[in-house]
N, C-alpha and C. Protein backbone atom coordinates (compact mmCIF):
# COMPACT_ATOMS: atom_id res chain seq x y z
N ASP A 1 0.88 -1.15 0.06
CA ASP A 1 -0.19 0.00 0.04
C ASP A 1 0.88 1.25 -0.10
N HIS A 2 0.57 2.28 -0.80
CA HIS A 2 1.65 3.59 -0.97
C HIS A 2 0.69 4.59 -0.58
N ASP A 3 0.02 4.50 0.57
CA ASP A 3 -0.77 5.63 0.97
C ASP A 3 -0.03 6.58 2.04
N SER A 4 1.11 6.09 2.21
CA SER A 4 1.88 7.09 3.39
C SER A 4 2.14 8.62 2.98
N GLY A 5 1.89 8.94 2.03
CA GLY A 5 1.95 10.31 1.53
C GLY A 5 3.35 10.72 1.30
N LYS A 6 4.29 9.79 1.24
CA LYS A 6 5.76 10.10 0.72
C LYS A 6 5.79 10.00 -0.89
N LEU A 7 5.14 9.30 -1.41
CA LEU A 7 5.49 9.00 -2.72
C LEU A 7 4.56 10.38 -3.73
N LYS A 8 5.26 10.58 -4.52
CA LYS A 8 4.56 12.00 -5.49
C LYS A 8 4.01 11.15 -6.77
N GLY A 9 2.99 11.55 -7.36
CA GLY A 9 2.86 11.09 -8.54
C GLY A 9 1.10 10.95 -8.65
N LYS A 10 0.76 10.28 -9.72
CA LYS A 10 -0.66 10.07 -9.94
C LYS A 10 -1.02 8.68 -9.89
N ARG A 11 -2.32 8.48 -9.31
CA ARG A 11 -2.85 7.25 -9.35
C ARG A 11 -3.40 6.80 -10.61
N CYS A 12 -3.39 5.35 -11.01
CA CYS A 12 -3.75 4.93 -12.31
C CYS A 12 -5.09 3.86 -11.83
N ILE A 13 -6.21 4.04 -12.05
CA ILE A 13 -7.13 3.08 -11.95
C ILE A 13 -7.45 2.16 -13.04
N TRP A 14 -7.44 0.90 -13.09
CA TRP A 14 -7.22 -0.01 -14.22
C TRP A 14 -8.63 -0.85 -14.09
N GLY A 15 -9.65 -0.10 -13.62
CA GLY A 15 -10.99 -0.77 -13.73
C GLY A 15 -11.76 -1.00 -14.80
N GLY A 16 -12.75 -1.76 -14.71
CA GLY A 16 -13.55 -2.03 -15.91
C GLY A 16 -12.91 -2.87 -17.03
N ARG A 17 -13.80 -3.16 -18.18
CA ARG A 17 -13.30 -4.14 -19.05
C ARG A 17 -12.46 -3.24 -20.09
N GLU A 18 -11.23 -3.79 -20.29
CA GLU A 18 -10.33 -2.91 -21.34
C GLU A 18 -10.88 -2.74 -22.62
N PRO A 19 -11.37 -3.86 -23.41
CA PRO A 19 -11.87 -3.38 -24.58
C PRO A 19 -12.83 -2.45 -24.62
N VAL A 20 -13.81 -2.30 -23.67
CA VAL A 20 -15.09 -1.54 -23.62
C VAL A 20 -14.30 -0.17 -23.33
N ARG A 21 -13.35 -0.24 -22.41
CA ARG A 21 -12.49 1.17 -22.14
C ARG A 21 -11.82 1.77 -23.31
N ASN A 22 -11.31 0.71 -24.09
CA ASN A 22 -10.37 1.39 -25.16
C ASN A 22 -11.38 2.01 -26.30
N VAL A 23 -12.42 1.23 -26.71
CA VAL A 23 -13.46 1.61 -27.62
C VAL A 23 -14.12 2.97 -27.12
N LEU A 24 -14.45 3.05 -25.85
CA LEU A 24 -15.07 4.24 -25.24
C LEU A 24 -14.11 5.63 -25.34
N TYR A 25 -12.71 5.31 -25.13
CA TYR A 25 -11.63 6.09 -25.14
C TYR A 25 -11.56 6.91 -26.78
N MET A 26 -11.67 6.06 -27.70
CA MET A 26 -11.40 6.30 -28.99
C MET A 26 -12.75 7.07 -29.36
N ALA A 27 -14.04 6.73 -28.83
CA ALA A 27 -15.18 7.36 -29.23
C ALA A 27 -15.18 8.83 -28.52
N ALA A 28 -14.76 9.05 -27.47
CA ALA A 28 -14.70 10.16 -26.78
C ALA A 28 -13.70 11.00 -27.50
N LEU A 29 -12.69 10.61 -27.92
CA LEU A 29 -11.47 11.37 -28.69
C LEU A 29 -12.21 11.87 -30.09
N SER A 30 -13.12 11.02 -30.72
CA SER A 30 -13.85 11.50 -31.79
C SER A 30 -14.84 12.71 -31.57
N ALA A 31 -15.64 12.21 -30.60
CA ALA A 31 -16.76 12.97 -30.37
C ALA A 31 -16.16 14.56 -29.67
N GLY A 32 -15.25 14.37 -29.07
CA GLY A 32 -14.39 15.61 -28.35
C GLY A 32 -13.97 16.91 -29.35
N VAL A 33 -13.99 16.32 -30.89
CA VAL A 33 -13.50 17.03 -31.92
C VAL A 33 -14.81 17.42 -32.83
N HIS A 34 -15.47 16.32 -33.05
CA HIS A 34 -16.28 16.30 -34.16
C HIS A 34 -17.65 16.63 -33.74
N ASN A 35 -17.87 16.44 -32.57
CA ASN A 35 -19.54 16.44 -32.08
C ASN A 35 -19.48 17.52 -31.54
N PRO A 36 -20.48 18.67 -31.82
CA PRO A 36 -20.31 20.16 -31.31
C PRO A 36 -20.70 20.02 -29.67
N VAL A 37 -21.60 19.24 -29.32
CA VAL A 37 -21.88 19.25 -27.93
C VAL A 37 -20.92 18.69 -27.00
N PHE A 38 -20.15 17.64 -27.41
CA PHE A 38 -19.12 17.02 -26.46
C PHE A 38 -17.79 18.03 -26.73
N ALA A 39 -17.66 18.49 -28.18
CA ALA A 39 -16.50 19.27 -28.09
C ALA A 39 -16.53 20.71 -27.33
N ALA A 40 -17.77 21.24 -27.22
CA ALA A 40 -17.69 22.36 -26.41
C ALA A 40 -17.68 22.19 -24.99
N PHE A 41 -18.06 20.93 -24.54
CA PHE A 41 -17.93 20.51 -23.08
C PHE A 41 -16.41 20.33 -22.91
N ARG A 42 -15.80 19.56 -23.64
CA ARG A 42 -14.17 19.46 -23.64
C ARG A 42 -13.58 20.75 -23.56
N GLN A 43 -14.05 21.59 -24.63
CA GLN A 43 -13.21 23.06 -24.61
C GLN A 43 -13.53 23.70 -23.20
N ARG A 44 -14.71 23.55 -22.76
CA ARG A 44 -14.93 24.15 -21.59
C ARG A 44 -14.03 23.73 -20.26
N LEU A 45 -14.01 22.41 -20.24
CA LEU A 45 -13.01 22.10 -19.24
C LEU A 45 -11.74 22.61 -19.58
N ARG A 46 -11.15 22.38 -20.96
CA ARG A 46 -9.63 22.76 -21.05
C ARG A 46 -9.51 24.29 -20.69
N SER A 47 -10.27 25.32 -20.86
CA SER A 47 -10.20 26.44 -20.58
C SER A 47 -10.36 26.96 -19.12
N ASN A 48 -11.15 25.76 -18.24
CA ASN A 48 -11.05 26.00 -16.96
C ASN A 48 -9.80 25.48 -16.05
N GLY A 49 -8.84 25.09 -17.00
CA GLY A 49 -7.47 24.56 -16.58
C GLY A 49 -7.25 22.96 -16.48
N LYS A 50 -8.29 22.17 -17.01
CA LYS A 50 -8.14 20.69 -17.00
C LYS A 50 -7.20 20.33 -17.88
N VAL A 51 -6.30 19.17 -17.61
CA VAL A 51 -5.51 18.74 -18.45
C VAL A 51 -6.22 17.99 -19.66
N ALA A 52 -5.65 17.79 -20.75
CA ALA A 52 -6.26 17.04 -21.88
C ALA A 52 -6.82 15.69 -21.63
N LYS A 53 -6.22 14.80 -20.87
CA LYS A 53 -6.62 13.66 -20.45
C LYS A 53 -7.66 13.50 -19.54
N VAL A 54 -7.48 14.45 -18.44
CA VAL A 54 -9.00 14.87 -17.65
C VAL A 54 -10.05 14.81 -18.36
N ALA A 55 -9.96 15.86 -19.34
CA ALA A 55 -11.10 16.19 -20.39
C ALA A 55 -11.68 15.30 -20.98
N ILE A 56 -10.67 14.60 -21.63
CA ILE A 56 -11.24 13.25 -22.45
C ILE A 56 -11.75 12.32 -21.36
N VAL A 57 -11.49 11.94 -20.47
CA VAL A 57 -11.95 11.05 -19.53
C VAL A 57 -13.39 11.42 -19.03
N ALA A 58 -13.80 12.81 -18.81
CA ALA A 58 -14.91 13.25 -18.69
C ALA A 58 -15.67 13.44 -19.79
N VAL A 59 -15.28 13.43 -21.00
CA VAL A 59 -16.11 13.18 -22.25
C VAL A 59 -16.49 11.93 -22.23
N MET A 60 -15.73 10.82 -21.99
CA MET A 60 -15.97 9.41 -21.87
C MET A 60 -17.39 9.28 -20.81
N ARG A 61 -17.14 9.90 -19.69
CA ARG A 61 -18.23 9.52 -18.86
C ARG A 61 -19.34 10.22 -19.11
N LYS A 62 -19.48 11.40 -19.91
CA LYS A 62 -20.70 11.84 -20.49
C LYS A 62 -21.03 11.14 -21.42
N LEU A 63 -20.13 10.69 -22.56
CA LEU A 63 -20.69 9.78 -23.38
C LEU A 63 -21.38 8.66 -22.92
N ILE A 64 -20.77 7.84 -21.90
CA ILE A 64 -21.47 6.55 -21.76
C ILE A 64 -22.95 6.81 -20.79
N THR A 65 -23.13 7.82 -20.11
CA THR A 65 -24.12 8.42 -19.50
C THR A 65 -25.25 8.59 -20.53
N THR A 66 -24.83 9.48 -21.42
CA THR A 66 -25.72 9.53 -22.73
C THR A 66 -26.19 8.48 -23.27
N LEU A 67 -25.43 7.61 -23.89
CA LEU A 67 -25.59 6.49 -24.32
C LEU A 67 -26.56 5.65 -23.57
N ASN A 68 -26.26 5.47 -22.34
CA ASN A 68 -27.11 4.56 -21.23
C ASN A 68 -28.58 5.26 -21.26
N ALA A 69 -28.72 6.58 -21.24
CA ALA A 69 -29.95 7.08 -21.01
C ALA A 69 -30.63 6.95 -22.48
N MET A 70 -29.97 6.99 -23.60
CA MET A 70 -30.69 6.51 -24.96
C MET A 70 -31.16 5.20 -24.85
N VAL A 71 -30.53 4.11 -24.36
CA VAL A 71 -30.88 2.74 -24.36
C VAL A 71 -32.06 2.75 -23.61
N ARG A 72 -31.75 3.39 -22.28
CA ARG A 72 -32.88 3.28 -21.08
C ARG A 72 -34.09 3.78 -21.80
N THR A 73 -34.17 4.78 -22.45
CA THR A 73 -35.64 5.51 -22.64
C THR A 73 -36.08 5.08 -24.17
N ASN A 74 -34.88 4.47 -24.92
CA ASN A 74 -35.16 4.13 -26.31
C ASN A 74 -35.59 5.25 -27.06
N LYS A 75 -34.84 6.33 -26.76
CA LYS A 75 -34.98 7.48 -27.71
C LYS A 75 -33.72 7.86 -28.58
N PRO A 76 -33.98 8.26 -29.58
CA PRO A 76 -32.58 8.79 -30.52
C PRO A 76 -31.87 9.87 -29.96
N TRP A 77 -30.60 10.01 -30.48
CA TRP A 77 -29.74 11.03 -30.03
C TRP A 77 -30.64 12.44 -30.24
N ASN A 78 -30.51 13.36 -29.00
CA ASN A 78 -31.08 14.57 -29.07
C ASN A 78 -29.85 15.49 -28.41
N PRO A 79 -29.34 16.37 -29.14
CA PRO A 79 -28.12 17.31 -28.68
C PRO A 79 -28.85 18.27 -27.54
N ALA A 80 -29.94 18.56 -27.32
CA ALA A 80 -30.80 19.59 -26.57
C ALA A 80 -30.79 18.72 -25.02
N SER A 81 -30.67 17.40 -25.06
CA SER A 81 -31.01 16.57 -23.95
C SER A 81 -29.69 16.38 -23.12
N VAL A 82 -28.36 16.61 -23.76
CA VAL A 82 -27.27 16.62 -23.25
C VAL A 82 -27.01 17.43 -22.35
């Protein structure tokens, strides 16, 4: 356990299924550039001082929650609802 406080650095969490995580990461990269809703979200985070990787992970989370809501409600993509 490295929680003594003496070590410097960042934690890495390797949770979840790797293939799903990889696909979601690539989808978030694309959505963060080409989709106006997710691109604006990513840009807002970047202008607030978040590093690029943190912004992409936030886009991943927003993407998965949006997709989950679409499946749950059986409704198509609606940019106004994001």
